[in-house]
N, C-alpha and C. Protein backbone atom coordinates (compact mmCIF):
# COMPACT_ATOMS: atom_id res chain seq x y z
N UNK A 1 1.03 -1.21 -0.10
CA UNK A 1 -0.17 0.13 0.19
C UNK A 1 0.86 1.10 -0.02
N UNK A 2 1.75 1.48 0.97
CA UNK A 2 2.69 2.73 0.96
C UNK A 2 3.42 2.66 -0.48
N UNK A 3 3.92 1.87 -1.06
CA UNK A 3 4.74 1.68 -2.06
C UNK A 3 3.67 2.40 -3.22
N UNK A 4 2.45 2.08 -3.35
CA UNK A 4 1.61 2.80 -4.29
C UNK A 4 1.47 4.14 -3.92
N UNK A 5 1.13 4.62 -2.49
CA UNK A 5 0.97 5.88 -2.32
C UNK A 5 2.33 6.63 -2.68
N UNK A 6 3.29 6.17 -2.34
CA UNK A 6 4.82 6.44 -2.69
C UNK A 6 4.70 7.15 -4.22
N UNK A 7 4.37 6.20 -5.30
CA UNK A 7 4.38 6.56 -6.34
C UNK A 7 2.99 7.22 -7.21
N UNK A 8 1.99 7.46 -6.11
CA UNK A 8 0.82 8.34 -6.81
C UNK A 8 1.30 9.40 -6.53
N UNK A 9 1.77 9.74 -5.40
CA UNK A 9 2.23 11.23 -4.72
C UNK A 9 3.81 11.95 -5.47
N UNK A 10 4.34 10.86 -5.89
CA UNK A 10 5.29 11.24 -7.21
C UNK A 10 4.85 11.70 -8.60
N UNK A 11 3.87 11.02 -8.73
CA UNK A 11 3.24 11.47 -10.24
C UNK A 11 2.56 12.49 -10.01
N UNK A 12 1.68 12.79 -8.66
CA UNK A 12 0.98 13.88 -8.78
C UNK A 12 2.02 15.10 -8.57
N UNK A 13 2.92 15.07 -7.97
CA UNK A 13 4.46 15.74 -8.01
C UNK A 13 4.59 16.42 -9.68
N UNK A 14 4.83 15.46 -10.53
CA UNK A 14 5.32 15.82 -11.58
C UNK A 14 4.02 16.63 -12.51
N UNK A 15 2.75 15.93 -12.03
CA UNK A 15 1.41 16.36 -12.80
C UNK A 15 1.46 18.07 -12.56
N UNK A 16 1.89 18.65 -11.05
CA UNK A 16 1.28 19.91 -10.42
C UNK A 16 2.42 20.71 -11.10
N UNK A 17 3.53 20.00 -11.36
CA UNK A 17 4.65 20.81 -12.13
C UNK A 17 4.45 21.03 -13.56
N UNK A 18 3.55 20.21 -14.08
CA UNK A 18 3.27 20.95 -15.69
C UNK A 18 1.96 21.44 -15.62
N UNK A 19 1.21 21.38 -14.43
CA UNK A 19 0.07 22.24 -14.38
C UNK A 19 0.10 23.39 -14.08
N UNK A 20 1.38 23.86 -13.65
CA UNK A 20 1.53 25.29 -12.71
C UNK A 20 1.36 26.00 -14.09
N UNK A 21 1.91 25.73 -15.16
CA UNK A 21 1.98 26.66 -16.51
C UNK A 21 0.45 27.05 -16.90
N UNK A 22 -0.50 26.19 -16.51
CA UNK A 22 -1.98 26.83 -16.61
C UNK A 22 -2.81 27.03 -15.87
N UNK A 23 -2.72 26.63 -14.53
CA UNK A 23 -3.46 26.61 -13.45
C UNK A 23 -2.66 26.59 -12.38
N UNK A 24 -1.81 28.18 -12.21
CA UNK A 24 -1.02 28.06 -10.96
C UNK A 24 -1.38 27.40 -9.73
N UNK A 25 -2.88 27.89 -9.53
CA UNK A 25 -3.13 27.91 -8.02
C UNK A 25 -3.69 26.48 -7.38
N UNK A 26 -4.44 25.94 -8.94
CA UNK A 26 -4.54 24.82 -8.56
C UNK A 26 -3.36 23.63 -8.48
N UNK A 27 -2.41 23.90 -9.08
CA UNK A 27 -1.09 23.05 -9.14
C UNK A 27 -0.02 23.06 -7.67
N UNK A 28 -0.32 24.58 -7.26
CA UNK A 28 0.29 24.86 -6.05
C UNK A 28 -0.50 23.91 -5.24
N UNK A 29 -1.66 23.81 -4.66
CA UNK A 29 -1.91 22.78 -3.90
C UNK A 29 -2.11 21.72 -4.22
N UNK A 30 -1.99 20.90 -5.14
CA UNK A 30 -1.57 19.69 -5.51
C UNK A 30 -0.03 19.38 -5.22
N UNK A 31 0.62 20.09 -5.40
CA UNK A 31 1.99 20.05 -5.12
C UNK A 31 2.13 20.16 -3.28
N UNK A 32 1.35 20.84 -2.90
CA UNK A 32 1.44 20.71 -1.08
C UNK A 32 1.05 19.38 -0.83
N UNK A 33 -0.41 18.83 -1.52
CA UNK A 33 -0.36 17.55 -0.83
C UNK A 33 0.34 16.36 -1.20
N UNK A 34 0.72 16.35 -2.61
CA UNK A 34 1.70 15.46 -2.71
C UNK A 34 2.99 15.32 -2.27
N UNK A 35 3.73 16.71 -1.84
CA UNK A 35 4.85 16.67 -1.15
C UNK A 35 4.86 16.44 0.07
N UNK A 36 3.61 16.61 0.77
CA UNK A 36 3.38 16.25 2.14
C UNK A 36 3.22 14.77 2.61
N UNK A 37 2.68 14.38 1.25
CA UNK A 37 2.30 12.73 1.63
C UNK A 37 3.86 12.13 1.09
N UNK A 38 4.64 12.55 0.08
CA UNK A 38 5.74 12.01 -0.32
C UNK A 38 6.94 12.05 1.21
N UNK A 39 6.67 13.13 1.71
CA UNK A 39 7.61 13.32 3.04
C UNK A 39 7.05 12.58 4.04
N UNK A 40 6.11 12.31 4.06
CA UNK A 40 5.63 11.26 5.33
C UNK A 40 6.20 10.22 5.00
N UNK A 41 5.84 9.31 3.81
CA UNK A 41 6.08 7.97 3.38
C UNK A 41 7.46 8.03 3.49
N UNK A 42 8.38 8.87 2.94
CA UNK A 42 9.65 8.78 3.14
C UNK A 42 10.44 9.10 4.64
N UNK A 43 9.55 9.52 5.21
CA UNK A 43 10.22 9.50 6.63
C UNK A 43 10.05 8.36 7.37
N UNK A 44 8.59 7.61 6.91
CA UNK A 44 8.44 6.37 7.89
C UNK A 44 9.08 5.30 7.58
N UNK A 45 10.03 5.24 6.49
CA UNK A 45 10.61 4.03 5.78
C UNK A 45 12.38 4.60 5.72
N UNK A 46 12.92 4.57 7.05
CA UNK A 46 14.00 4.65 7.14
C UNK A 46 15.19 3.85 6.58
N UNK A 47 16.34 4.14 5.92
CA UNK A 47 17.21 3.17 5.93
C UNK A 47 17.40 1.77 6.73
N UNK A 48 17.30 0.71 5.80
CA UNK A 48 17.05 -0.46 6.89
C UNK A 48 18.42 -1.04 7.44
N UNK A 49 19.56 -0.39 6.44
CA UNK A 49 20.60 -1.27 6.85
C UNK A 49 21.64 -0.50 7.91
N UNK A 50 22.65 -1.03 8.05
CA UNK A 50 23.40 -0.23 9.24
C UNK A 50 24.77 0.35 8.70
N UNK A 51 24.91 0.49 7.64
CA UNK A 51 25.83 1.26 6.99
C UNK A 51 26.12 2.80 7.11
N UNK A 52 27.19 3.35 7.11
CA UNK A 52 27.26 4.83 7.30
C UNK A 52 26.78 5.59 6.31
N UNK A 53 27.12 5.01 5.20
CA UNK A 53 27.00 5.46 3.55
C UNK A 53 25.30 5.64 3.57
N UNK A 54 24.86 4.30 3.57
CA UNK A 54 23.32 3.95 3.53
C UNK A 54 22.73 5.37 4.51
N UNK A 55 22.98 5.64 5.69
CA UNK A 55 22.58 6.43 6.52
C UNK A 55 22.49 7.73 6.06
N UNK A 56 23.97 8.02 5.32
CA UNK A 56 24.01 9.32 4.79
C UNK A 56 23.26 9.56 3.68
N UNK A 57 23.04 8.51 2.81
CA UNK A 57 22.10 8.86 1.69
C UNK A 57 20.22 8.73 2.05
N UNK A 58 20.02 8.17 3.21
CA UNK A 58 18.50 8.61 3.57
C UNK A 58 18.71 10.05 4.20
N UNK A 59 19.87 10.52 4.81
CA UNK A 59 20.17 11.85 4.94
C UNK A 59 19.88 12.77 3.92
N UNK A 60 20.08 12.24 2.74
CA UNK A 60 19.87 13.32 1.26
C UNK A 60 18.62 13.25 0.93
N UNK A 61 17.73 12.11 1.35
CA UNK A 61 16.59 11.88 1.05
C UNK A 61 15.74 12.90 1.78
N UNK A 62 16.18 12.77 3.01
CA UNK A 62 15.33 14.04 3.93
C UNK A 62 15.35 15.31 3.56
N UNK A 63 16.91 15.46 3.14
CA UNK A 63 17.01 16.92 2.58
C UNK A 63 15.99 17.26 1.19
N UNK A 64 16.24 16.32 0.55
CA UNK A 64 15.47 16.53 -0.71
C UNK A 64 14.00 16.69 -0.60
N UNK A 65 13.57 16.05 0.86
CA UNK A 65 12.42 16.13 0.89
C UNK A 65 11.80 17.73 1.28
N UNK A 66 12.47 18.34 2.31
CA UNK A 66 12.63 19.37 2.75
C UNK A 66 12.94 20.66 1.68
N UNK A 67 13.72 20.15 0.78
CA UNK A 67 13.87 21.12 -0.69
C UNK A 67 12.47 21.30 -1.43
N UNK A 68 11.88 20.08 -1.29
CA UNK A 68 10.44 19.98 -2.02
C UNK A 68 9.60 20.63 -1.35
N UNK A 69 9.53 20.86 -0.17
CA UNK A 69 8.23 21.43 0.94
C UNK A 69 8.86 23.11 0.36
N UNK A 70 10.03 23.30 0.18
CA UNK A 70 10.37 24.31 -0.01
C UNK A 70 9.72 25.11 -1.23
N UNK A 71 9.61 24.16 -2.15
CA UNK A 71 9.14 24.47 -3.61
C UNK A 71 7.96 24.44 -3.80
N UNK A 72 7.21 23.82 -2.93
CA UNK A 72 5.84 23.72 -2.80
C UNK A 72 5.21 25.10 -2.14
N UNK A 73 6.05 25.52 -1.29
CA UNK A 73 5.77 26.84 -0.78
C UNK A 73 6.13 28.05 -1.67
N UNK A 74 6.92 28.23 -2.52
CA UNK A 74 7.60 28.90 -3.31
C UNK A 74 6.43 29.09 -4.66
N UNK A 75 5.76 27.70 -4.47
CA UNK A 75 5.04 27.62 -5.82
C UNK A 75 3.49 28.42 -5.30
N UNK A 76 3.31 28.01 -4.07
CA UNK A 76 2.13 28.81 -3.34
C UNK A 76 1.99 30.39 -3.70
N UNK A 77 3.56 31.01 -3.52
CA UNK A 77 3.73 32.30 -3.56
C UNK A 77 3.63 32.68 -5.12
N UNK A 78 3.91 31.91 -5.83
CA UNK A 78 3.71 32.01 -7.18
C UNK A 78 5.28 32.88 -7.70
N UNK A 79 6.11 32.36 -7.05
CA UNK A 79 7.46 32.29 -7.30
C UNK A 79 8.40 31.18 -7.99
N UNK A 80 8.96 31.88 -9.16
CA UNK A 80 9.55 30.74 -10.07
C UNK A 80 10.78 30.37 -9.73
N UNK A 81 11.36 30.49 -8.59
CA UNK A 81 12.32 29.77 -7.65
C UNK A 81 12.01 28.59 -7.44
N UNK A 82 11.06 28.15 -7.36
CA UNK A 82 10.26 26.66 -7.04
C UNK A 82 11.21 25.57 -7.69
N UNK A 83 11.17 26.10 -9.16
CA UNK A 83 11.57 25.60 -10.30
C UNK A 83 13.20 24.69 -9.73
N UNK A 84 14.05 25.70 -9.31
CA UNK A 84 15.40 25.40 -9.13
C UNK A 84 15.46 24.66 -7.78
N UNK A 85 14.78 24.89 -6.61
CA UNK A 85 14.29 23.56 -5.36
C UNK A 85 13.92 22.56 -6.02
N UNK A 86 13.03 22.07 -6.90
CA UNK A 86 12.44 20.98 -7.36
C UNK A 86 13.41 20.40 -7.76
N UNK A 87 14.48 21.28 -8.74
CA UNK A 87 15.62 20.29 -9.83
C UNK A 87 16.64 19.63 -8.57
N UNK A 88 17.00 20.47 -7.69
CA UNK A 88 18.09 20.08 -6.44
C UNK A 88 17.19 18.81 -5.97
N UNK A 89 16.25 18.95 -5.54
CA UNK A 89 15.44 17.85 -4.72
C UNK A 89 15.68 16.63 -5.41
N UNK A 90 15.07 16.70 -6.76
CA UNK A 90 15.30 15.58 -7.82
C UNK A 90 16.12 14.66 -7.72
N UNK A 91 17.19 15.71 -8.30
CA UNK A 91 18.76 15.15 -8.49
C UNK A 91 19.17 14.58 -7.47
N UNK A 92 18.85 15.09 -6.00
CA UNK A 92 19.23 14.24 -4.86
C UNK A 92 18.16 13.02 -4.54
N UNK A 93 17.14 12.89 -4.87
CA UNK A 93 16.33 11.62 -5.04
C UNK A 93 16.64 10.58 -6.05
N UNK A 94 17.05 11.10 -6.86
CA UNK A 94 17.92 10.09 -8.13
C UNK A 94 19.15 9.53 -7.50
N UNK A 95 19.93 10.25 -7.07
CA UNK A 95 21.15 9.69 -6.95
C UNK A 95 20.81 8.68 -5.55
N UNK A 96 20.16 9.26 -4.64
CA UNK A 96 20.02 7.89 -3.71
C UNK A 96 19.28 6.93 -3.98
N UNK A 97 18.24 7.45 -4.81
CA UNK A 97 17.60 6.26 -5.16
C UNK A 97 18.27 4.81 -6.15
N UNK A 98 19.46 5.49 -6.82
CA UNK A 98 20.04 4.55 -7.50
C UNK A 98 21.40 3.98 -6.51
N UNK A 99 21.90 4.35 -5.24
CA UNK A 99 22.84 4.19 -4.77
C UNK A 99 22.35 3.44 -3.65
N UNK A 100 21.16 3.66 -2.96
CA UNK A 100 20.98 2.99 -1.96
C UNK A 100 20.79 1.41 -2.33
N UNK A 101 19.94 0.90 -3.16
CA UNK A 101 19.87 -0.67 -3.49
C UNK A 101 21.54 -1.43 -3.70
N UNK A 102 22.16 -0.48 -4.01
CA UNK A 102 23.81 -1.38 -4.02
C UNK A 102 24.40 -1.15 -2.83
N UNK A 103 24.36 -0.57 -2.07
CA UNK A 103 24.49 -0.33 -0.61
C UNK A 103 24.03 -1.24 0.06
N UNK A 104 22.74 -1.31 0.06
CA UNK A 104 22.19 -2.82 0.74
C UNK A 104 22.34 -4.00 0.20
N UNK A 105 22.43 -4.14 -1.42
CA UNK A 105 23.17 -5.42 -1.73
C UNK A 105 24.61 -5.65 -1.11
N UNK A 106 25.53 -4.68 -1.11
CA UNK A 106 26.77 -4.61 -0.76
C UNK A 106 26.78 -5.14 0.55
N UNK A 107 25.77 -4.90 1.51
CA UNK A 107 25.93 -5.13 2.86
C UNK A 107 25.25 -6.81 2.89
N UNK A 108 24.45 -6.79 2.34
CA UNK A 108 24.17 -8.17 2.15
C UNK A 108 25.23 -9.26 1.96
N UNK A 109 25.82 -9.00 0.88
CA UNK A 109 26.74 -9.99 0.61
C UNK A 109 27.84 -9.83 1.67
N UNK A 110 28.32 -8.63 2.07
CA UNK A 110 29.09 -8.90 3.32
C UNK A 110 28.81 -9.63 4.72
N UNK A 111 27.14 -9.44 4.91
CA UNK A 111 26.91 -10.68 5.91
C UNK A 111 26.78 -11.78 5.33
N UNK A 112 26.46 -12.27 4.20
CA UNK A 112 26.73 -13.46 4.07
C UNK A 112 28.27 -14.08 3.89
N UNK A 113 28.97 -13.62 3.36
CA UNK A 113 30.45 -13.74 3.40
C UNK A 113 31.44 -14.14 4.80
N UNK A 114 30.74 -13.78 6.06
CA UNK A 114 30.94 -13.77 7.25
C UNK A 114 30.75 -15.12 7.79
């Protein structure tokens, strides 16, 4: 269930970003709802491993969520800087999404080899 909500909130963030050009007020409220959901789900699912690198990457995800919240606020105020905050957040989320599974696999292999 959480995985589906996570995907839906991510899609709503993208829809709100595109919708902003046509209906800025509606898009901003969709963004606020989607980002709030995304933040709650991310915070409820911390990094399950023990490595310092993995925990640091989870910190990146939390920082990216805070940047998304800033972007949503800027969108509500109809400030165009929201795009910059959202792009930085997207880059950090993408980096963490690529590296965290590799780090978990590395931890799993180290545990199995002992």
